[in-house]
Amino acid sequence: MSRYFTEDAPYGLVPWSAIGKVVEVETPVIDSIINIYNVVHERNWWEEGRSAKDLGLLGLTLAQIKEYVTTGTRRQQAEIDTSDLPINRPLSGAADARV
């Protein structure tokens, strides 16, 4: 198994998908590639990859994310119930492809 694939999934594709979900942008091609990698590698990259929470983006608005990546400062990241955010919802049609 090439490191290009094993690093691309958890440190590239999964974070981009997570960012898309936080800002409510669909990433169907990225999600499909991750699901294919899951099957080929017999691993769950959704669980092993960097999540929005890992990136410090969970609960931030698009404006807050832009400020964070521009200045390195996060403001008003309150403790919120994240159970109903898009990042925590299952992907439609993707559950069957997950390992």
Protein backbone atom coordinates (compact mmCIF):
# COMPACT_ATOMS: atom_id res chain seq x y z
CA MET A 1 0.00 0.00 0.00
CA SER A 2 1.57 3.27 -1.10
CA ARG A 3 2.00 6.07 1.42
CA TYR A 4 0.55 8.43 -1.18
CA PHE A 5 -2.81 6.78 -0.63
CA THR A 6 -2.50 6.13 3.10
CA GLU A 7 -1.53 9.75 3.73
CA ASP A 8 -3.88 11.27 1.17
CA ALA A 9 -7.01 9.84 2.77
CA PRO A 10 -6.57 10.82 6.45
CA TYR A 11 -4.59 14.04 5.98
CA GLY A 12 -6.00 15.33 2.70
CA LEU A 13 -9.35 13.99 1.59
CA VAL A 14 -11.05 13.45 4.96
CA PRO A 15 -10.17 16.98 6.20
CA TRP A 16 -11.39 18.57 2.94
CA SER A 17 -14.64 16.65 3.23
CA ALA A 18 -14.96 17.73 6.87
CA ILE A 19 -14.37 21.38 5.96
CA GLY A 20 -16.99 21.09 3.22
CA LYS A 21 -19.54 19.79 5.69
CA VAL A 22 -18.80 22.56 8.19
CA VAL A 23 -19.39 25.24 5.55
CA GLU A 24 -22.25 23.25 3.97
CA VAL A 25 -20.54 22.52 0.66
CA GLU A 26 -21.11 19.06 -0.74
CA THR A 27 -18.02 17.03 -1.65
CA PRO A 28 -19.47 13.98 -3.42
CA VAL A 29 -16.36 13.10 -5.44
CA ILE A 30 -14.03 13.38 -2.43
CA ASP A 31 -16.48 11.36 -0.33
CA SER A 32 -16.66 8.67 -3.02
CA ILE A 33 -12.88 8.43 -3.23
CA ILE A 34 -12.67 8.06 0.57
CA ASN A 35 -15.28 5.31 0.44
CA ILE A 36 -13.32 3.51 -2.28
CA TYR A 37 -10.12 3.83 -0.22
CA ASN A 38 -12.02 2.35 2.74
CA VAL A 39 -12.83 -0.76 0.74
CA VAL A 40 -9.41 -1.10 -0.94
CA HIS A 41 -7.44 -0.55 2.28
CA GLU A 42 -9.91 -2.36 4.55
CA ARG A 43 -9.78 0.63 6.93
CA ASN A 44 -12.22 3.29 7.98
CA TRP A 45 -10.56 6.53 6.89
CA TRP A 46 -13.61 8.49 8.11
CA GLU A 47 -12.67 7.51 11.65
CA GLU A 48 -8.88 7.60 11.23
CA GLY A 49 -8.71 10.85 9.28
CA ARG A 50 -8.61 14.37 10.68
CA SER A 51 -12.07 15.63 11.51
CA ALA A 52 -13.38 19.18 11.73
CA LYS A 53 -12.97 18.87 15.48
CA ASP A 54 -9.33 17.79 15.06
CA LEU A 55 -8.78 20.84 12.83
CA GLY A 56 -10.38 23.16 15.40
CA LEU A 57 -13.17 24.11 13.01
CA LEU A 58 -16.20 22.42 14.55
CA GLY A 59 -18.79 24.98 15.59
CA LEU A 60 -17.20 27.86 13.69
CA THR A 61 -19.04 29.87 11.06
CA LEU A 62 -17.59 30.41 7.60
CA ALA A 63 -16.56 33.95 8.64
CA GLN A 64 -14.83 32.59 11.75
CA ILE A 65 -13.00 29.96 9.68
CA LYS A 66 -11.82 32.63 7.23
CA GLU A 67 -10.56 34.74 10.14
CA TYR A 68 -8.89 31.72 11.73
CA VAL A 69 -6.97 30.73 8.57
CA THR A 70 -6.06 34.36 7.86
CA THR A 71 -5.01 35.45 11.36
CA GLY A 72 -4.56 32.26 13.34
CA THR A 73 -7.11 33.52 15.87
CA ARG A 74 -10.34 31.77 16.74
CA ARG A 75 -13.07 33.87 18.29
CA GLN A 76 -16.31 32.99 20.00
CA GLN A 77 -15.92 29.24 19.80
CA ALA A 78 -18.53 28.51 22.44
CA GLU A 79 -19.28 25.08 23.80
CA ILE A 80 -22.24 23.99 21.71
CA ASP A 81 -24.18 20.82 21.13
CA THR A 82 -22.57 19.50 17.96
CA SER A 83 -24.69 16.37 17.64
CA ASP A 84 -26.92 17.86 14.94
CA LEU A 85 -24.26 19.62 12.84
CA PRO A 86 -23.87 18.38 9.24
CA ILE A 87 -20.45 16.90 10.07
CA ASN A 88 -22.13 14.42 12.43
CA ARG A 89 -24.83 13.31 10.02
CA PRO A 90 -24.30 10.16 7.95
CA LEU A 91 -23.64 10.69 4.28
CA SER A 92 -26.54 9.60 2.13
CA GLY A 93 -25.69 6.47 0.21
CA ALA A 94 -22.17 6.31 1.64
CA ALA A 95 -22.83 4.17 4.69
CA ASP A 96 -22.85 0.93 2.70
CA ALA A 97 -19.37 1.57 1.31
CA ARG A 98 -17.79 2.19 4.71
CA VAL A 99 -15.74 -0.51 6.34
